C-alpha atoms as a PDB file:
ATOM      1  CA  UNK A   1     -12.568  16.075 -17.776  1.00  0.00           C
ATOM      2  CA  UNK A   2     -15.883  17.685 -18.616  1.00  0.00           C
ATOM      3  CA  UNK A   3     -18.732  17.503 -16.075  1.00  0.00           C
ATOM      4  CA  UNK A   4     -22.237  18.937 -15.840  1.00  0.00           C
ATOM      5  CA  UNK A   5     -22.400  20.642 -12.444  1.00  0.00           C
ATOM      6  CA  UNK A   6     -24.932  22.452 -10.221  1.00  0.00           C
ATOM      7  CA  UNK A   7     -23.996  25.226  -7.829  1.00  0.00           C
ATOM      8  CA  UNK A   8     -26.556  27.426  -6.063  1.00  0.00           C
ATOM      9  CA  UNK A   9     -29.298  26.523  -8.523  1.00  0.00           C
ATOM     10  CA  UNK A  10     -27.205  27.151 -11.644  1.00  0.00           C
ATOM     11  CA  UNK A  11     -26.047  24.467 -14.089  1.00  0.00           C
ATOM     12  CA  UNK A  12     -22.839  24.670 -16.069  1.00  0.00           C
ATOM     13  CA  UNK A  13     -20.484  22.387 -18.040  1.00  0.00           C
ATOM     14  CA  UNK A  14     -17.059  22.701 -16.510  1.00  0.00           C
ATOM     15  CA  UNK A  15     -13.614  21.278 -16.883  1.00  0.00           C
ATOM     16  CA  UNK A  16     -12.709  19.588 -13.563  1.00  0.00           C
ATOM     17  CA  UNK A  17     -10.078  17.223 -12.264  1.00  0.00           C
ATOM     18  CA  UNK A  18     -10.618  13.480 -12.654  1.00  0.00           C
ATOM     19  CA  UNK A  19     -12.174  11.956  -9.478  1.00  0.00           C
ATOM     20  CA  UNK A  20      -9.650  10.313  -7.201  1.00  0.00           C
ATOM     21  CA  UNK A  21     -10.775   7.900  -4.529  1.00  0.00           C
ATOM     22  CA  UNK A  22      -8.032   5.378  -3.870  1.00  0.00           C
ATOM     23  CA  UNK A  23     -10.406   2.710  -2.453  1.00  0.00           C
ATOM     24  CA  UNK A  24     -12.881   2.959  -5.352  1.00  0.00           C
ATOM     25  CA  UNK A  25     -13.078   1.942  -9.013  1.00  0.00           C
ATOM     26  CA  UNK A  26     -12.643   4.524 -11.752  1.00  0.00           C
ATOM     27  CA  UNK A  27     -15.380   4.249 -14.409  1.00  0.00           C
ATOM     28  CA  UNK A  28     -15.352   5.882 -17.869  1.00  0.00           C
ATOM     29  CA  UNK A  29     -18.926   6.959 -18.513  1.00  0.00           C
ATOM     30  CA  UNK A  30     -20.357   6.004 -21.861  1.00  0.00           C
ATOM     31  CA  UNK A  31     -23.835   7.483 -21.495  1.00  0.00           C
ATOM     32  CA  UNK A  32     -26.013   8.892 -18.775  1.00  0.00           C
ATOM     33  CA  UNK A  33     -29.737   9.705 -18.382  1.00  0.00           C
ATOM     34  CA  UNK A  34     -31.236  12.906 -17.130  1.00  0.00           C
ATOM     35  CA  UNK A  35     -33.749  12.270 -14.320  1.00  0.00           C
ATOM     36  CA  UNK A  36     -36.467  14.466 -12.830  1.00  0.00           C
ATOM     37  CA  UNK A  37     -34.325  14.520  -9.651  1.00  0.00           C
ATOM     38  CA  UNK A  38     -31.547  16.334 -11.625  1.00  0.00           C
ATOM     39  CA  UNK A  39     -34.133  18.949 -12.582  1.00  0.00           C
ATOM     40  CA  UNK A  40     -35.360  19.226  -8.990  1.00  0.00           C
ATOM     41  CA  UNK A  41     -31.793  19.852  -7.699  1.00  0.00           C
ATOM     42  CA  UNK A  42     -31.859  23.266  -9.459  1.00  0.00           C
ATOM     43  CA  UNK A  43     -35.010  24.026  -7.455  1.00  0.00           C
ATOM     44  CA  UNK A  44     -33.244  23.191  -4.156  1.00  0.00           C
ATOM     45  CA  UNK A  45     -33.931  19.455  -3.725  1.00  0.00           C
ATOM     46  CA  UNK A  46     -31.310  17.861  -1.412  1.00  0.00           C
ATOM     47  CA  UNK A  47     -29.277  21.067  -1.261  1.00  0.00           C
ATOM     48  CA  UNK A  48     -26.639  19.450  -3.566  1.00  0.00           C
ATOM     49  CA  UNK A  49     -23.776  21.213  -5.269  1.00  0.00           C
ATOM     50  CA  UNK A  50     -21.395  19.338  -7.604  1.00  0.00           C
ATOM     51  CA  UNK A  51     -21.655  17.005 -10.588  1.00  0.00           C
ATOM     52  CA  UNK A  52     -25.223  15.760 -10.997  1.00  0.00           C
ATOM     53  CA  UNK A  53     -26.639  12.564 -12.443  1.00  0.00           C
ATOM     54  CA  UNK A  54     -27.104   9.019 -11.197  1.00  0.00           C
ATOM     55  CA  UNK A  55     -28.230   6.943 -14.214  1.00  0.00           C
ATOM     56  CA  UNK A  56     -25.283   5.639 -16.302  1.00  0.00           C
ATOM     57  CA  UNK A  57     -23.474   2.876 -18.075  1.00  0.00           C
ATOM     58  CA  UNK A  58     -19.731   2.928 -18.328  1.00  0.00           C
ATOM     59  CA  UNK A  59     -16.498   0.908 -18.620  1.00  0.00           C
ATOM     60  CA  UNK A  60     -14.223   0.173 -15.656  1.00  0.00           C
ATOM     61  CA  UNK A  61     -10.801   1.781 -16.177  1.00  0.00           C
ATOM     62  CA  UNK A  62      -9.282   0.940 -12.764  1.00  0.00           C
ATOM     63  CA  UNK A  63     -10.386  -1.369  -9.971  1.00  0.00           C
ATOM     64  CA  UNK A  64      -7.551  -2.250  -7.580  1.00  0.00           C
ATOM     65  CA  UNK A  65      -9.808  -4.350  -5.362  1.00  0.00           C
ATOM     66  CA  UNK A  66     -11.157  -6.337  -8.352  1.00  0.00           C
ATOM     67  CA  UNK A  67      -8.822  -6.042 -11.390  1.00  0.00           C
ATOM     68  CA  UNK A  68     -10.880  -8.550 -13.425  1.00  0.00           C
ATOM     69  CA  UNK A  69     -13.564  -5.821 -13.757  1.00  0.00           C
ATOM     70  CA  UNK A  70     -11.266  -3.636 -15.827  1.00  0.00           C
ATOM     71  CA  UNK A  71     -12.624  -3.225 -19.313  1.00  0.00           C
ATOM     72  CA  UNK A  72     -16.042  -4.535 -18.301  1.00  0.00           C
ATOM     73  CA  UNK A  73     -19.197  -2.558 -19.020  1.00  0.00           C
ATOM     74  CA  UNK A  74     -21.052  -1.776 -15.803  1.00  0.00           C
ATOM     75  CA  UNK A  75     -23.911   0.108 -14.156  1.00  0.00           C
ATOM     76  CA  UNK A  76     -23.735   1.215 -10.520  1.00  0.00           C
ATOM     77  CA  UNK A  77     -25.894   1.183  -7.412  1.00  0.00           C
ATOM     78  CA  UNK A  78     -26.136   4.836  -6.456  1.00  0.00           C
ATOM     79  CA  UNK A  79     -25.954   4.523  -2.662  1.00  0.00           C
ATOM     80  CA  UNK A  80     -22.450   4.151  -1.270  1.00  0.00           C
ATOM     81  CA  UNK A  81     -22.640   3.103   2.371  1.00  0.00           C
ATOM     82  CA  UNK A  82     -20.073   3.221   5.144  1.00  0.00           C
ATOM     83  CA  UNK A  83     -19.436  -0.525   4.957  1.00  0.00           C
ATOM     84  CA  UNK A  84     -19.458  -0.850   8.761  1.00  0.00           C
ATOM     85  CA  UNK A  85     -23.083  -0.435   9.958  1.00  0.00           C
ATOM     86  CA  UNK A  86     -25.546  -3.283  10.234  1.00  0.00           C
ATOM     87  CA  UNK A  87     -27.343  -2.347   6.985  1.00  0.00           C
ATOM     88  CA  UNK A  88     -24.073  -2.321   5.009  1.00  0.00           C
ATOM     89  CA  UNK A  89     -22.916  -5.598   6.525  1.00  0.00           C
ATOM     90  CA  UNK A  90     -26.204  -7.164   5.399  1.00  0.00           C
ATOM     91  CA  UNK A  91     -25.496  -5.926   1.882  1.00  0.00           C
ATOM     92  CA  UNK A  92     -28.077  -3.089   1.753  1.00  0.00           C
ATOM     93  CA  UNK A  93     -26.565   0.399   2.029  1.00  0.00           C
ATOM     94  CA  UNK A  94     -29.653   2.179   0.739  1.00  0.00           C
ATOM     95  CA  UNK A  95     -30.454   3.530   4.231  1.00  0.00           C
ATOM     96  CA  UNK A  96     -26.970   3.646   5.739  1.00  0.00           C
ATOM     97  CA  UNK A  97     -26.966   6.754   7.935  1.00  0.00           C
ATOM     98  CA  UNK A  98     -23.569   7.729   6.539  1.00  0.00           C
ATOM     99  CA  UNK A  99     -24.221   6.928   2.878  1.00  0.00           C
ATOM    100  CA  UNK A 100     -23.403   9.212  -0.033  1.00  0.00           C
ATOM    101  CA  UNK A 101     -25.611   9.120  -3.078  1.00  0.00           C
ATOM    102  CA  UNK A 102     -24.312   9.503  -6.657  1.00  0.00           C
ATOM    103  CA  UNK A 103     -25.028  13.014  -7.871  1.00  0.00           C
ATOM    104  CA  UNK A 104     -27.465  13.718  -5.053  1.00  0.00           C
ATOM    105  CA  UNK A 105     -25.836  13.560  -1.586  1.00  0.00           C
ATOM    106  CA  UNK A 106     -22.141  14.157  -0.882  1.00  0.00           C
ATOM    107  CA  UNK A 107     -20.821  12.485  -4.068  1.00  0.00           C
ATOM    108  CA  UNK A 108     -20.216  13.783  -7.591  1.00  0.00           C
ATOM    109  CA  UNK A 109     -22.429  12.132 -10.104  1.00  0.00           C
ATOM    110  CA  UNK A 110     -22.355  10.613 -13.577  1.00  0.00           C
ATOM    111  CA  UNK A 111     -22.979  13.464 -16.001  1.00  0.00           C
ATOM    112  CA  UNK A 112     -19.223  13.506 -16.488  1.00  0.00           C
ATOM    113  CA  UNK A 113     -16.566  11.706 -18.439  1.00  0.00           C
ATOM    114  CA  UNK A 114     -15.472   9.735 -15.346  1.00  0.00           C
ATOM    115  CA  UNK A 115     -16.807   8.780 -11.955  1.00  0.00           C
ATOM    116  CA  UNK A 116     -15.817   6.637  -8.997  1.00  0.00           C
ATOM    117  CA  UNK A 117     -17.810   4.136  -7.025  1.00  0.00           C
ATOM    118  CA  UNK A 118     -16.910   1.286  -4.623  1.00  0.00           C
ATOM    119  CA  UNK A 119     -16.374  -1.991  -6.480  1.00  0.00           C
ATOM    120  CA  UNK A 120     -19.272  -3.540  -4.517  1.00  0.00           C
ATOM    121  CA  UNK A 121     -21.637  -1.005  -6.187  1.00  0.00           C
ATOM    122  CA  UNK A 122     -20.820  -2.053  -9.744  1.00  0.00           C
ATOM    123  CA  UNK A 123     -22.758  -4.692 -11.699  1.00  0.00           C
ATOM    124  CA  UNK A 124     -21.585  -6.036 -15.023  1.00  0.00           C
ATOM    125  CA  UNK A 125     -23.994  -5.467 -17.942  1.00  0.00           C
ATOM    126  CA  UNK A 126     -24.879  -8.488 -20.094  1.00  0.00           C
ATOM    127  CA  UNK A 127     -23.767  -8.175 -23.702  1.00  0.00           C
ATOM    128  CA  UNK A 128     -27.370  -8.511 -24.861  1.00  0.00           C
ATOM    129  CA  UNK A 129     -28.225  -5.141 -23.284  1.00  0.00           C
ATOM    130  CA  UNK A 130     -27.375  -2.023 -25.290  1.00  0.00           C
ATOM    131  CA  UNK A 131     -25.844   1.089 -23.807  1.00  0.00           C
ATOM    132  CA  UNK A 132     -29.189   2.964 -24.225  1.00  0.00           C
ATOM    133  CA  UNK A 133     -31.051   0.183 -22.492  1.00  0.00           C
ATOM    134  CA  UNK A 134     -28.452  -0.067 -19.678  1.00  0.00           C
ATOM    135  CA  UNK A 135     -28.958   3.605 -18.760  1.00  0.00           C
ATOM    136  CA  UNK A 136     -32.445   2.605 -17.627  1.00  0.00           C
ATOM    137  CA  UNK A 137     -31.121   0.065 -15.043  1.00  0.00           C
ATOM    138  CA  UNK A 138     -31.360   2.587 -12.143  1.00  0.00           C
ATOM    139  CA  UNK A 139     -34.883   3.973 -12.808  1.00  0.00           C
ATOM    140  CA  UNK A 140     -36.176   0.512 -13.630  1.00  0.00           C
ATOM    141  CA  UNK A 141     -34.725  -0.866 -10.457  1.00  0.00           C
ATOM    142  CA  UNK A 142     -36.474   1.955  -8.574  1.00  0.00           C
ATOM    143  CA  UNK A 143     -39.754   1.058 -10.353  1.00  0.00           C
ATOM    144  CA  UNK A 144     -39.521  -2.678  -9.666  1.00  0.00           C
ATOM    145  CA  UNK A 145     -38.289  -1.899  -6.111  1.00  0.00           C
ATOM    146  CA  UNK A 146     -41.948  -1.307  -5.198  1.00  0.00           C
ATOM    147  CA  UNK A 147     -42.330  -5.098  -5.024  1.00  0.00           C
ATOM    148  CA  UNK A 148     -39.847  -5.191  -2.111  1.00  0.00           C
ATOM    149  CA  UNK A 149     -42.240  -3.171   0.028  1.00  0.00           C
ATOM    150  CA  UNK A 150     -45.716  -3.978  -1.329  1.00  0.00           C
ATOM    151  CA  UNK A 151     -46.883  -7.444  -2.280  1.00  0.00           C
ATOM    152  CA  UNK A 152     -48.118  -7.446  -5.861  1.00  0.00           C
ATOM    153  CA  UNK A 153     -50.008 -10.683  -6.640  1.00  0.00           C
ATOM    154  CA  UNK A 154     -51.583 -11.680  -9.987  1.00  0.00           C
ATOM    155  CA  UNK A 155     -54.946 -10.532  -8.675  1.00  0.00           C
ATOM    156  CA  UNK A 156     -53.727  -7.245  -7.178  1.00  0.00           C
ATOM    157  CA  UNK A 157     -55.456  -4.240  -8.794  1.00  0.00           C
ATOM    158  CA  UNK A 158     -52.875  -1.477  -9.370  1.00  0.00           C
ATOM    159  CA  UNK A 159     -53.152   2.074 -10.674  1.00  0.00           C
ATOM    160  CA  UNK A 160     -50.156   4.176 -11.643  1.00  0.00           C
ATOM    161  CA  UNK A 161     -50.689   7.930 -11.701  1.00  0.00           C
ATOM    162  CA  UNK A 162     -48.359   9.693 -14.114  1.00  0.00           C
ATOM    163  CA  UNK A 163     -47.377   8.960 -17.692  1.00  0.00           C
ATOM    164  CA  UNK A 164     -43.829  10.342 -17.484  1.00  0.00           C
ATOM    165  CA  UNK A 165     -40.825   8.056 -17.765  1.00  0.00           C
ATOM    166  CA  UNK A 166     -40.985   6.937 -14.097  1.00  0.00           C
ATOM    167  CA  UNK A 167     -44.741   6.247 -14.238  1.00  0.00           C
ATOM    168  CA  UNK A 168     -44.427   4.242 -17.456  1.00  0.00           C
ATOM    169  CA  UNK A 169     -41.529   2.236 -16.038  1.00  0.00           C
ATOM    170  CA  UNK A 170     -43.490   1.533 -12.821  1.00  0.00           C
ATOM    171  CA  UNK A 171     -46.464   0.301 -14.857  1.00  0.00           C
ATOM    172  CA  UNK A 172     -44.388  -1.856 -17.201  1.00  0.00           C
ATOM    173  CA  UNK A 173     -42.318  -3.311 -14.308  1.00  0.00           C
ATOM    174  CA  UNK A 174     -45.377  -4.126 -12.158  1.00  0.00           C
ATOM    175  CA  UNK A 175     -47.082  -5.690 -15.187  1.00  0.00           C
ATOM    176  CA  UNK A 176     -44.586  -8.483 -14.687  1.00  0.00           C
ATOM    177  CA  UNK A 177     -46.460  -9.250 -11.437  1.00  0.00           C
ATOM    178  CA  UNK A 178     -50.059  -8.433 -12.303  1.00  0.00           C
ATOM    179  CA  UNK A 179     -51.975  -7.779 -15.563  1.00  0.00           C
ATOM    180  CA  UNK A 180     -54.668  -5.887 -13.638  1.00  0.00           C
ATOM    181  CA  UNK A 181     -52.963  -2.529 -13.954  1.00  0.00           C
ATOM    182  CA  UNK A 182     -54.045   0.871 -15.235  1.00  0.00           C
ATOM    183  CA  UNK A 183     -51.985   3.960 -16.059  1.00  0.00           C
ATOM    184  CA  UNK A 184     -53.568   7.381 -15.554  1.00  0.00           C
ATOM    185  CA  UNK A 185     -52.039  10.271 -17.499  1.00  0.00           C
ATOM    186  CA  UNK A 186     -52.539  13.365 -19.585  1.00  0.00           C
ATOM    187  CA  UNK A 187     -50.732  12.535 -22.822  1.00  0.00           C
ATOM    188  CA  UNK A 188     -52.099  10.157 -25.369  1.00  0.00           C
ATOM    189  CA  UNK A 189     -48.733   9.701 -27.091  1.00  0.00           C
ATOM    190  CA  UNK A 190     -47.146   8.616 -23.817  1.00  0.00           C
ATOM    191  CA  UNK A 191     -49.999   6.397 -22.768  1.00  0.00           C
ATOM    192  CA  UNK A 192     -49.717   4.597 -26.072  1.00  0.00           C
ATOM    193  CA  UNK A 193     -46.365   3.216 -24.987  1.00  0.00           C
ATOM    194  CA  UNK A 194     -48.031   1.369 -22.161  1.00  0.00           C
ATOM    195  CA  UNK A 195     -51.018   0.390 -24.258  1.00  0.00           C
ATOM    196  CA  UNK A 196     -48.746  -1.240 -26.817  1.00  0.00           C
ATOM    197  CA  UNK A 197     -47.587  -3.735 -24.201  1.00  0.00           C
ATOM    198  CA  UNK A 198     -51.150  -4.541 -23.081  1.00  0.00           C
ATOM    199  CA  UNK A 199     -51.616  -2.137 -20.207  1.00  0.00           C
ATOM    200  CA  UNK A 200     -54.928  -0.333 -19.753  1.00  0.00           C
ATOM    201  CA  UNK A 201     -54.662   3.426 -19.881  1.00  0.00           C
ATOM    202  CA  UNK A 202     -57.088   6.186 -18.852  1.00  0.00           C
ATOM    203  CA  UNK A 203     -56.774   9.955 -19.352  1.00  0.00           C
ATOM    204  CA  UNK A 204     -56.685  12.029 -16.145  1.00  0.00           C
ATOM    205  CA  UNK A 205     -60.057  13.662 -16.899  1.00  0.00           C
ATOM    206  CA  UNK A 206     -61.713  10.242 -16.691  1.00  0.00           C
ATOM    207  CA  UNK A 207     -59.862   8.936 -13.614  1.00  0.00           C
ATOM    208  CA  UNK A 208     -62.697   9.758 -11.196  1.00  0.00           C
ATOM    209  CA  UNK A 209     -65.021   7.441 -13.104  1.00  0.00           C
ATOM    210  CA  UNK A 210     -62.836   4.426 -12.166  1.00  0.00           C
ATOM    211  CA  UNK A 211     -64.015   4.570  -8.525  1.00  0.00           C
ATOM    212  CA  UNK A 212     -62.181   3.414  -5.410  1.00  0.00           C
ATOM    213  CA  UNK A 213     -61.337  -0.049  -6.676  1.00  0.00           C
ATOM    214  CA  UNK A 214     -57.515  -0.293  -6.513  1.00  0.00           C
ATOM    215  CA  UNK A 215     -55.568  -2.253  -3.929  1.00  0.00           C
ATOM    216  CA  UNK A 216     -52.355  -0.297  -4.688  1.00  0.00           C
ATOM    217  CA  UNK A 217     -52.021   3.163  -6.186  1.00  0.00           C
ATOM    218  CA  UNK A 218     -48.545   4.348  -7.287  1.00  0.00           C
ATOM    219  CA  UNK A 219     -48.159   8.136  -7.374  1.00  0.00           C
ATOM    220  CA  UNK A 220     -45.485   8.863  -9.944  1.00  0.00           C
ATOM    221  CA  UNK A 221     -46.592  12.291 -11.262  1.00  0.00           C
ATOM    222  CA  UNK A 222     -44.628  14.339  -8.781  1.00  0.00           C
ATOM    223  CA  UNK A 223     -47.574  16.700  -8.136  1.00  0.00           C
ATOM    224  CA  UNK A 224     -49.951  17.331  -5.275  1.00  0.00           C
ATOM    225  CA  UNK A 225     -52.916  16.703  -7.553  1.00  0.00           C
ATOM    226  CA  UNK A 226     -51.480  13.231  -8.186  1.00  0.00           C
ATOM    227  CA  UNK A 227     -51.571  12.454  -4.459  1.00  0.00           C
ATOM    228  CA  UNK A 228     -55.178  13.727  -4.268  1.00  0.00           C
ATOM    229  CA  UNK A 229     -56.106  11.398  -7.165  1.00  0.00           C
ATOM    230  CA  UNK A 230     -54.433   8.493  -5.428  1.00  0.00           C
ATOM    231  CA  UNK A 231     -56.585   9.020  -2.307  1.00  0.00           C
ATOM    232  CA  UNK A 232     -59.683   9.039  -4.594  1.00  0.00           C
ATOM    233  CA  UNK A 233     -58.731   5.791  -6.246  1.00  0.00           C
ATOM    234  CA  UNK A 234     -57.390   3.544  -3.501  1.00  0.00           C
ATOM    235  CA  UNK A 235     -59.701   1.177  -1.584  1.00  0.00           C
ATOM    236  CA  UNK A 236     -60.137   1.517   2.137  1.00  0.00           C
ATOM    237  CA  UNK A 237     -57.120  -0.249   3.746  1.00  0.00           C
ATOM    238  CA  UNK A 238     -55.347  -0.005   0.427  1.00  0.00           C
ATOM    239  CA  UNK A 239     -51.802   1.237  -0.123  1.00  0.00           C
ATOM    240  CA  UNK A 240     -50.490   4.358  -1.804  1.00  0.00           C
ATOM    241  CA  UNK A 241     -46.908   4.262  -2.938  1.00  0.00           C
ATOM    242  CA  UNK A 242     -45.126   7.593  -3.357  1.00  0.00           C
ATOM    243  CA  UNK A 243     -42.362   7.365  -6.029  1.00  0.00           C
ATOM    244  CA  UNK A 244     -41.681  10.966  -6.987  1.00  0.00           C
ATOM    245  CA  UNK A 245     -39.297  13.357  -5.354  1.00  0.00           C
ATOM    246  CA  UNK A 246     -39.935  17.115  -5.594  1.00  0.00           C
ATOM    247  CA  UNK A 247     -38.896  20.203  -3.684  1.00  0.00           C
ATOM    248  CA  UNK A 248     -41.517  21.650  -1.432  1.00  0.00           C
ATOM    249  CA  UNK A 249     -43.934  20.697   1.342  1.00  0.00           C
ATOM    250  CA  UNK A 250     -47.166  19.098   0.085  1.00  0.00           C
ATOM    251  CA  UNK A 251     -50.527  19.206   1.835  1.00  0.00           C
ATOM    252  CA  UNK A 252     -52.626  16.023   2.187  1.00  0.00           C
ATOM    253  CA  UNK A 253     -55.984  15.004   3.639  1.00  0.00           C
ATOM    254  CA  UNK A 254     -54.953  13.413   6.931  1.00  0.00           C
ATOM    255  CA  UNK A 255     -58.470  12.642   7.991  1.00  0.00           C
ATOM    256  CA  UNK A 256     -59.214  10.510   4.978  1.00  0.00           C
ATOM    257  CA  UNK A 257     -56.011   8.564   5.457  1.00  0.00           C
ATOM    258  CA  UNK A 258     -56.972   7.837   9.048  1.00  0.00           C
ATOM    259  CA  UNK A 259     -60.656   7.112   8.483  1.00  0.00           C
ATOM    260  CA  UNK A 260     -60.050   4.791   5.508  1.00  0.00           C
ATOM    261  CA  UNK A 261     -56.941   3.273   7.140  1.00  0.00           C
ATOM    262  CA  UNK A 262     -54.790   3.843   4.077  1.00  0.00           C
ATOM    263  CA  UNK A 263     -51.172   2.895   4.179  1.00  0.00           C
ATOM    264  CA  UNK A 264     -48.685   5.394   2.701  1.00  0.00           C
ATOM    265  CA  UNK A 265     -45.427   3.836   1.489  1.00  0.00           C
ATOM    266  CA  UNK A 266     -42.372   5.804   0.379  1.00  0.00           C
ATOM    267  CA  UNK A 267     -40.349   3.949  -2.265  1.00  0.00           C
ATOM    268  CA  UNK A 268     -36.955   5.113  -3.519  1.00  0.00           C
ATOM    269  CA  UNK A 269     -34.273   2.777  -4.792  1.00  0.00           C
ATOM    270  CA  UNK A 270     -34.435  -0.820  -5.896  1.00  0.00           C
ATOM    271  CA  UNK A 271     -32.005  -3.688  -6.623  1.00  0.00           C
ATOM    272  CA  UNK A 272     -30.181  -3.631  -9.983  1.00  0.00           C
ATOM    273  CA  UNK A 273     -30.160  -7.403 -10.540  1.00  0.00           C
ATOM    274  CA  UNK A 274     -33.910  -7.730 -11.233  1.00  0.00           C
ATOM    275  CA  UNK A 275     -33.770  -4.609 -13.448  1.00  0.00           C
ATOM    276  CA  UNK A 276     -31.034  -6.033 -15.591  1.00  0.00           C
ATOM    277  CA  UNK A 277     -32.998  -9.277 -15.874  1.00  0.00           C
ATOM    278  CA  UNK A 278     -36.012  -7.273 -17.095  1.00  0.00           C
ATOM    279  CA  UNK A 279     -33.844  -5.409 -19.633  1.00  0.00           C
ATOM    280  CA  UNK A 280     -32.284  -8.613 -20.873  1.00  0.00           C
ATOM    281  CA  UNK A 281     -35.743 -10.146 -21.332  1.00  0.00           C
ATOM    282  CA  UNK A 282     -36.644  -7.268 -23.747  1.00  0.00           C
ATOM    283  CA  UNK A 283     -40.243  -7.110 -22.376  1.00  0.00           C
ATOM    284  CA  UNK A 284     -40.015  -3.433 -21.500  1.00  0.00           C
ATOM    285  CA  UNK A 285     -39.583  -1.160 -24.528  1.00  0.00           C
ATOM    286  CA  UNK A 286     -37.257   1.396 -22.809  1.00  0.00           C
ATOM    287  CA  UNK A 287     -36.001   2.654 -26.202  1.00  0.00           C
ATOM    288  CA  UNK A 288     -39.411   4.219 -26.762  1.00  0.00           C
ATOM    289  CA  UNK A 289     -38.906   6.355 -23.647  1.00  0.00           C
ATOM    290  CA  UNK A 290     -35.891   8.153 -25.186  1.00  0.00           C
ATOM    291  CA  UNK A 291     -36.889  11.572 -26.453  1.00  0.00           C
ATOM    292  CA  UNK A 292     -33.474  12.971 -27.365  1.00  0.00           C
ATOM    293  CA  UNK A 293     -29.693  12.633 -27.114  1.00  0.00           C
ATOM    294  CA  UNK A 294     -27.037  15.257 -26.612  1.00  0.00           C
ATOM    295  CA  UNK A 295     -23.279  15.345 -26.144  1.00  0.00           C
ATOM    296  CA  UNK A 296     -21.956  16.200 -22.674  1.00  0.00           C
ATOM    297  CA  UNK A 297     -20.585  19.453 -24.117  1.00  0.00           C
ATOM    298  CA  UNK A 298     -24.215  20.445 -24.833  1.00  0.00           C
ATOM    299  CA  UNK A 299     -25.326  19.544 -21.290  1.00  0.00           C
ATOM    300  CA  UNK A 300     -27.142  22.818 -20.680  1.00  0.00           C
ATOM    301  CA  UNK A 301     -29.204  22.372 -23.841  1.00  0.00           C
ATOM    302  CA  UNK A 302     -29.897  18.769 -22.670  1.00  0.00           C
ATOM    303  CA  UNK A 303     -31.142  19.959 -19.326  1.00  0.00           C
ATOM    304  CA  UNK A 304     -33.399  22.541 -20.933  1.00  0.00           C
ATOM    305  CA  UNK A 305     -34.734  19.864 -23.268  1.00  0.00           C
ATOM    306  CA  UNK A 306     -35.419  17.509 -20.420  1.00  0.00           C
ATOM    307  CA  UNK A 307     -37.379  20.191 -18.637  1.00  0.00           C
ATOM    308  CA  UNK A 308     -39.732  20.732 -21.561  1.00  0.00           C
ATOM    309  CA  UNK A 309     -43.309  19.640 -21.160  1.00  0.00           C
ATOM    310  CA  UNK A 310     -44.019  16.215 -22.636  1.00  0.00           C
ATOM    311  CA  UNK A 311     -40.363  15.132 -22.958  1.00  0.00           C
ATOM    312  CA  UNK A 312     -39.417  11.699 -21.649  1.00  0.00           C
ATOM    313  CA  UNK A 313     -35.769  10.532 -21.212  1.00  0.00           C
ATOM    314  CA  UNK A 314     -32.903  12.697 -22.483  1.00  0.00           C
ATOM    315  CA  UNK A 315     -29.488  10.964 -22.746  1.00  0.00           C
ATOM    316  CA  UNK A 316     -26.028  12.423 -22.588  1.00  0.00           C
ATOM    317  CA  UNK A 317     -23.191  10.919 -24.608  1.00  0.00           C
ATOM    318  CA  UNK A 318     -19.696  11.440 -23.243  1.00  0.00           C
ATOM    319  CA  UNK A 319     -17.669  11.008 -26.445  1.00  0.00           C
END
């Protein structure tokens, strides 16, 4: 099969053997989405070598533990736990100390014609959700996952820094909880996507004029300047949620965090069930976040396109 792989900071489309894990389901990938994490891997994030990618929709080809899944369209939770520790036994392998992570840690990913995952990681996709929409299940789950760690009430004032695909998904997902939300970004064409669903938007050059009025600030720009803006916008005793992953060691104003008693929350993966519910409701226009589509054979061109300034989601088709 073909697969888009990373080795020592170099991407290539290679012919590799089909994945074989006897205790896991075999999934034929229909489409996958290129994430900023994929781009960061080439810069050294996670030290990963192998097939990249963790956002996908596919069809189950083999599932010995659950044969009724064969032929079903599925998405997949990206963290595969050991199945034995307390976290796994409670049904939440996201922080299992022995977990592998699809296309990121110890497990080949989804930018390939086939992948394997444990059956317990697979969730059937409702027929009302298209393939293109289903690819957004993972990043939308990550966006809505903020609500697992931070209470968002109807009166909570929220700012989202970053108008990339993750920032827009965070804003549109959190708008299901509060309408008092503002997106701060640099690109009018991207901000218009949020504005069209009733979300207030402000350009980055005007962010300072907003003042320190927000209960929760979500940093989704992936830049140190974004974190600095978050500190300038959050109320004393407010919360800053860090959503982006990037390679490197950032600097931050420790004294301001202490003096203003600001809580810093790291937020990574979320549950897929709520994300599929949001996609089925059609309230979040994920189709507008798609900038381009490529075949898997053109995976290198797709990665280059995804890395261009101003580009949102780039999809890969496996056919």
